Amino acid sequence: MAAVVLGAAHMVEQAREGQFTTAPLATAFGGFLLGTLPDLLEPATTPSHRATLHSVGALAVLGLAGWKLYQWEPEDATDQIIRWIGLVTAGAYAVHLFMDSQTPRGLPIL
């Protein structure tokens, strides 16, 4: 799901700028790879699953970090790559948490 959401968001952003490249495919692939990051950090097989890193608080921090990264206008190629990695990571993590929030167990506040 993260791959579809992030790839589509990147396509919309490119369309707003009048650009059409294959970059959204890389974003979708990054979303596919990073969409499971929360479960790697807090596996479902441990008692701490859906603790701090699977919480509404974590989602709020990710939202703020993602917004700041989105506003950042890097000047060189290295910073552009860092920005892209940060946005894809924050986006994939946020999509995962949103999907977890829709389950009967939901997400803890903190």
N, C-alpha and C. Protein backbone atom coordinates (compact mmCIF):
# COMPACT_ATOMS: atom_id res chain seq x y z
N MET A 1 0.82 -1.19 0.00
CA MET A 1 0.00 0.00 0.00
C MET A 1 0.87 1.26 0.00
N ALA A 2 1.96 1.25 0.79
CA ALA A 2 2.84 2.42 0.85
C ALA A 2 3.42 2.71 -0.52
N ALA A 3 3.73 1.67 -1.29
CA ALA A 3 4.30 1.87 -2.62
C ALA A 3 3.33 2.64 -3.52
N VAL A 4 2.07 2.26 -3.49
CA VAL A 4 1.06 2.91 -4.33
C VAL A 4 0.86 4.36 -3.90
N VAL A 5 0.70 4.57 -2.60
CA VAL A 5 0.45 5.93 -2.09
C VAL A 5 1.62 6.85 -2.40
N LEU A 6 2.84 6.40 -2.11
CA LEU A 6 4.00 7.27 -2.32
C LEU A 6 4.30 7.49 -3.80
N GLY A 7 4.18 6.43 -4.60
CA GLY A 7 4.39 6.59 -6.04
C GLY A 7 3.39 7.57 -6.65
N ALA A 8 2.13 7.45 -6.25
CA ALA A 8 1.10 8.37 -6.76
C ALA A 8 1.34 9.80 -6.29
N ALA A 9 1.73 9.96 -5.03
CA ALA A 9 2.01 11.31 -4.52
C ALA A 9 3.17 11.95 -5.28
N HIS A 10 4.18 11.16 -5.59
CA HIS A 10 5.32 11.69 -6.35
C HIS A 10 4.90 12.08 -7.76
N MET A 11 4.03 11.28 -8.38
CA MET A 11 3.53 11.61 -9.71
C MET A 11 2.74 12.91 -9.70
N VAL A 12 1.91 13.11 -8.69
CA VAL A 12 1.13 14.35 -8.58
C VAL A 12 2.07 15.54 -8.41
N GLU A 13 3.09 15.39 -7.57
CA GLU A 13 4.05 16.48 -7.36
C GLU A 13 4.79 16.81 -8.66
N GLN A 14 5.18 15.80 -9.41
CA GLN A 14 5.84 16.05 -10.68
C GLN A 14 4.90 16.75 -11.67
N ALA A 15 3.65 16.33 -11.70
CA ALA A 15 2.69 16.95 -12.61
C ALA A 15 2.50 18.43 -12.28
N ARG A 16 2.49 18.75 -10.99
CA ARG A 16 2.37 20.16 -10.58
C ARG A 16 3.55 20.98 -11.08
N GLU A 17 4.72 20.35 -11.16
CA GLU A 17 5.93 21.04 -11.61
C GLU A 17 6.14 20.91 -13.12
N GLY A 18 5.25 20.20 -13.81
CA GLY A 18 5.38 20.02 -15.24
C GLY A 18 6.48 19.04 -15.63
N GLN A 19 6.85 18.14 -14.74
CA GLN A 19 7.89 17.16 -15.01
C GLN A 19 7.27 15.77 -15.09
N PHE A 20 7.84 14.94 -15.93
CA PHE A 20 7.39 13.56 -16.01
C PHE A 20 8.61 12.68 -16.22
N THR A 21 9.06 12.03 -15.14
CA THR A 21 10.23 11.16 -15.18
C THR A 21 9.86 9.80 -14.58
N THR A 22 10.85 8.95 -14.48
CA THR A 22 10.62 7.64 -13.87
C THR A 22 10.87 7.66 -12.36
N ALA A 23 11.16 8.81 -11.79
CA ALA A 23 11.44 8.92 -10.36
C ALA A 23 10.31 8.36 -9.48
N PRO A 24 9.02 8.54 -9.84
CA PRO A 24 7.97 7.95 -9.00
C PRO A 24 8.07 6.43 -8.87
N LEU A 25 8.66 5.77 -9.86
CA LEU A 25 8.86 4.32 -9.75
C LEU A 25 9.85 4.00 -8.64
N ALA A 26 10.92 4.79 -8.55
CA ALA A 26 11.90 4.61 -7.47
C ALA A 26 11.24 4.89 -6.12
N THR A 27 10.39 5.90 -6.08
CA THR A 27 9.69 6.23 -4.84
C THR A 27 8.76 5.09 -4.44
N ALA A 28 8.04 4.54 -5.40
CA ALA A 28 7.14 3.41 -5.12
C ALA A 28 7.94 2.21 -4.61
N PHE A 29 9.08 1.94 -5.23
CA PHE A 29 9.92 0.82 -4.79
C PHE A 29 10.44 1.06 -3.38
N GLY A 30 10.85 2.30 -3.10
CA GLY A 30 11.29 2.64 -1.74
C GLY A 30 10.17 2.46 -0.74
N GLY A 31 8.96 2.86 -1.10
CA GLY A 31 7.81 2.66 -0.23
C GLY A 31 7.52 1.19 0.01
N PHE A 32 7.70 0.39 -1.04
CA PHE A 32 7.51 -1.06 -0.91
C PHE A 32 8.52 -1.64 0.09
N LEU A 33 9.78 -1.23 -0.03
CA LEU A 33 10.82 -1.75 0.86
C LEU A 33 10.67 -1.26 2.29
N LEU A 34 10.32 0.01 2.45
CA LEU A 34 10.29 0.62 3.79
C LEU A 34 8.94 0.52 4.49
N GLY A 35 7.93 0.02 3.80
CA GLY A 35 6.60 -0.08 4.40
C GLY A 35 6.53 -1.00 5.60
N THR A 36 7.49 -1.91 5.72
CA THR A 36 7.49 -2.83 6.86
C THR A 36 8.42 -2.37 7.98
N LEU A 37 9.03 -1.20 7.83
CA LEU A 37 9.99 -0.72 8.83
C LEU A 37 9.44 -0.73 10.26
N PRO A 38 8.21 -0.27 10.52
CA PRO A 38 7.71 -0.31 11.90
C PRO A 38 7.70 -1.72 12.49
N ASP A 39 7.37 -2.72 11.67
CA ASP A 39 7.34 -4.09 12.17
C ASP A 39 8.73 -4.68 12.33
N LEU A 40 9.72 -4.12 11.65
CA LEU A 40 11.10 -4.54 11.87
C LEU A 40 11.63 -3.95 13.18
N LEU A 41 11.20 -2.73 13.49
CA LEU A 41 11.65 -2.08 14.72
C LEU A 41 10.92 -2.61 15.96
N GLU A 42 9.65 -2.94 15.80
CA GLU A 42 8.84 -3.52 16.89
C GLU A 42 8.09 -4.74 16.34
N PRO A 43 8.78 -5.89 16.27
CA PRO A 43 8.15 -7.08 15.67
C PRO A 43 6.89 -7.52 16.42
N ALA A 44 5.98 -8.10 15.69
CA ALA A 44 4.72 -8.57 16.27
C ALA A 44 4.94 -9.72 17.25
N THR A 45 6.10 -10.33 17.20
CA THR A 45 6.40 -11.46 18.09
C THR A 45 6.93 -11.02 19.45
N THR A 46 7.06 -9.72 19.67
CA THR A 46 7.58 -9.22 20.94
C THR A 46 6.48 -8.52 21.73
N PRO A 47 6.63 -8.45 23.05
CA PRO A 47 5.61 -7.77 23.87
C PRO A 47 5.52 -6.27 23.59
N SER A 48 6.58 -5.69 23.02
CA SER A 48 6.57 -4.24 22.78
C SER A 48 5.94 -3.87 21.43
N HIS A 49 5.37 -4.86 20.72
CA HIS A 49 4.73 -4.54 19.44
C HIS A 49 3.59 -3.55 19.67
N ARG A 50 3.49 -2.59 18.83
CA ARG A 50 2.53 -1.50 18.94
C ARG A 50 2.71 -0.72 20.24
N ALA A 51 3.95 -0.41 20.51
CA ALA A 51 4.28 0.45 21.65
C ALA A 51 4.64 1.83 21.09
N THR A 52 5.69 2.42 21.55
CA THR A 52 6.06 3.79 21.20
C THR A 52 6.22 4.01 19.70
N LEU A 53 6.87 3.09 19.00
CA LEU A 53 7.11 3.27 17.57
C LEU A 53 5.90 2.95 16.71
N HIS A 54 4.85 2.41 17.31
CA HIS A 54 3.58 2.14 16.64
C HIS A 54 2.49 2.97 17.32
N SER A 55 2.69 4.26 17.46
CA SER A 55 1.75 5.07 18.23
C SER A 55 1.33 6.32 17.47
N VAL A 56 0.28 6.94 17.98
CA VAL A 56 -0.18 8.22 17.42
C VAL A 56 0.92 9.27 17.59
N GLY A 57 1.65 9.20 18.71
CA GLY A 57 2.75 10.13 18.94
C GLY A 57 3.84 9.98 17.88
N ALA A 58 4.18 8.75 17.53
CA ALA A 58 5.17 8.51 16.47
C ALA A 58 4.66 9.05 15.14
N LEU A 59 3.37 8.88 14.88
CA LEU A 59 2.78 9.39 13.65
C LEU A 59 2.86 10.91 13.60
N ALA A 60 2.63 11.57 14.73
CA ALA A 60 2.72 13.04 14.78
C ALA A 60 4.15 13.51 14.52
N VAL A 61 5.12 12.84 15.12
CA VAL A 61 6.53 13.20 14.90
C VAL A 61 6.90 12.99 13.43
N LEU A 62 6.45 11.88 12.85
CA LEU A 62 6.72 11.63 11.43
C LEU A 62 6.08 12.69 10.54
N GLY A 63 4.86 13.08 10.89
CA GLY A 63 4.19 14.12 10.11
C GLY A 63 4.95 15.42 10.12
N LEU A 64 5.42 15.82 11.29
CA LEU A 64 6.19 17.06 11.41
C LEU A 64 7.52 16.95 10.66
N ALA A 65 8.21 15.83 10.81
CA ALA A 65 9.48 15.64 10.12
C ALA A 65 9.27 15.63 8.60
N GLY A 66 8.23 14.94 8.16
CA GLY A 66 7.93 14.91 6.73
C GLY A 66 7.61 16.28 6.17
N TRP A 67 6.86 17.07 6.92
CA TRP A 67 6.51 18.42 6.48
C TRP A 67 7.76 19.28 6.37
N LYS A 68 8.66 19.19 7.35
CA LYS A 68 9.90 19.96 7.31
C LYS A 68 10.77 19.53 6.12
N LEU A 69 10.85 18.23 5.88
CA LEU A 69 11.61 17.74 4.73
C LEU A 69 10.99 18.22 3.42
N TYR A 70 9.67 18.23 3.35
CA TYR A 70 8.98 18.68 2.14
C TYR A 70 9.28 20.15 1.87
N GLN A 71 9.36 20.95 2.92
CA GLN A 71 9.63 22.38 2.76
C GLN A 71 11.09 22.68 2.42
N TRP A 72 11.99 21.79 2.79
CA TRP A 72 13.42 21.98 2.56
C TRP A 72 13.71 22.00 1.06
N GLU A 73 14.49 22.96 0.62
CA GLU A 73 14.89 23.07 -0.78
C GLU A 73 16.40 22.87 -0.88
N PRO A 74 16.85 21.62 -0.99
CA PRO A 74 18.29 21.35 -1.04
C PRO A 74 18.92 21.93 -2.30
N GLU A 75 20.17 22.32 -2.15
CA GLU A 75 20.87 22.97 -3.26
C GLU A 75 21.77 22.04 -4.04
N ASP A 76 22.21 20.93 -3.45
CA ASP A 76 23.09 20.03 -4.19
C ASP A 76 22.47 18.63 -4.28
N ALA A 77 23.05 17.81 -5.12
CA ALA A 77 22.49 16.48 -5.40
C ALA A 77 22.47 15.59 -4.17
N THR A 78 23.51 15.66 -3.35
CA THR A 78 23.56 14.83 -2.15
C THR A 78 22.41 15.17 -1.21
N ASP A 79 22.17 16.45 -0.99
CA ASP A 79 21.07 16.87 -0.12
C ASP A 79 19.71 16.50 -0.72
N GLN A 80 19.60 16.52 -2.04
CA GLN A 80 18.35 16.11 -2.69
C GLN A 80 18.07 14.63 -2.44
N ILE A 81 19.12 13.82 -2.48
CA ILE A 81 18.96 12.39 -2.21
C ILE A 81 18.58 12.16 -0.75
N ILE A 82 19.23 12.89 0.16
CA ILE A 82 18.91 12.77 1.58
C ILE A 82 17.46 13.16 1.82
N ARG A 83 17.01 14.24 1.18
CA ARG A 83 15.62 14.68 1.32
C ARG A 83 14.66 13.60 0.81
N TRP A 84 14.97 13.04 -0.35
CA TRP A 84 14.12 12.01 -0.95
C TRP A 84 14.04 10.79 -0.03
N ILE A 85 15.18 10.32 0.48
CA ILE A 85 15.19 9.16 1.37
C ILE A 85 14.36 9.45 2.62
N GLY A 86 14.51 10.64 3.18
CA GLY A 86 13.74 11.02 4.36
C GLY A 86 12.25 11.05 4.09
N LEU A 87 11.86 11.62 2.96
CA LEU A 87 10.43 11.69 2.62
C LEU A 87 9.84 10.31 2.39
N VAL A 88 10.56 9.46 1.68
CA VAL A 88 10.06 8.11 1.41
C VAL A 88 9.96 7.31 2.71
N THR A 89 10.97 7.43 3.56
CA THR A 89 10.95 6.71 4.83
C THR A 89 9.79 7.18 5.71
N ALA A 90 9.65 8.49 5.86
CA ALA A 90 8.56 9.03 6.69
C ALA A 90 7.21 8.66 6.10
N GLY A 91 7.08 8.74 4.79
CA GLY A 91 5.82 8.41 4.14
C GLY A 91 5.44 6.95 4.29
N ALA A 92 6.39 6.06 4.05
CA ALA A 92 6.12 4.62 4.16
C ALA A 92 5.77 4.25 5.60
N TYR A 93 6.48 4.82 6.54
CA TYR A 93 6.23 4.55 7.96
C TYR A 93 4.83 5.05 8.33
N ALA A 94 4.48 6.25 7.86
CA ALA A 94 3.17 6.83 8.18
C ALA A 94 2.04 6.01 7.57
N VAL A 95 2.21 5.54 6.34
CA VAL A 95 1.18 4.71 5.71
C VAL A 95 0.99 3.42 6.51
N HIS A 96 2.09 2.82 6.95
CA HIS A 96 2.00 1.60 7.76
C HIS A 96 1.22 1.87 9.05
N LEU A 97 1.56 2.96 9.73
CA LEU A 97 0.85 3.28 10.98
C LEU A 97 -0.62 3.58 10.72
N PHE A 98 -0.93 4.28 9.64
CA PHE A 98 -2.33 4.54 9.32
C PHE A 98 -3.08 3.23 9.10
N MET A 99 -2.47 2.31 8.36
CA MET A 99 -3.13 1.02 8.13
C MET A 99 -3.31 0.26 9.44
N ASP A 100 -2.31 0.29 10.32
CA ASP A 100 -2.46 -0.36 11.63
C ASP A 100 -3.56 0.29 12.46
N SER A 101 -3.74 1.58 12.29
CA SER A 101 -4.77 2.28 13.08
C SER A 101 -6.18 1.84 12.70
N GLN A 102 -6.33 1.25 11.52
CA GLN A 102 -7.65 0.82 11.05
C GLN A 102 -8.02 -0.58 11.54
N THR A 103 -7.12 -1.24 12.24
CA THR A 103 -7.40 -2.58 12.77
C THR A 103 -8.14 -2.46 14.10
N PRO A 104 -8.76 -3.54 14.56
CA PRO A 104 -9.47 -3.48 15.85
C PRO A 104 -8.58 -3.05 17.02
N ARG A 105 -7.31 -3.40 16.96
CA ARG A 105 -6.40 -3.03 18.06
C ARG A 105 -6.01 -1.56 18.00
N GLY A 106 -6.00 -0.96 16.82
CA GLY A 106 -5.67 0.45 16.68
C GLY A 106 -4.23 0.76 17.06
N LEU A 107 -3.99 2.03 17.41
CA LEU A 107 -2.67 2.48 17.84
C LEU A 107 -2.77 3.10 19.22
N PRO A 108 -1.74 2.89 20.06
CA PRO A 108 -1.73 3.60 21.35
C PRO A 108 -1.43 5.08 21.13
N ILE A 109 -1.79 5.91 22.08
CA ILE A 109 -1.52 7.34 21.96
C ILE A 109 -0.01 7.59 21.97
N LEU A 110 0.70 7.03 22.94
CA LEU A 110 2.16 7.19 23.02
C LEU A 110 2.87 5.89 23.08
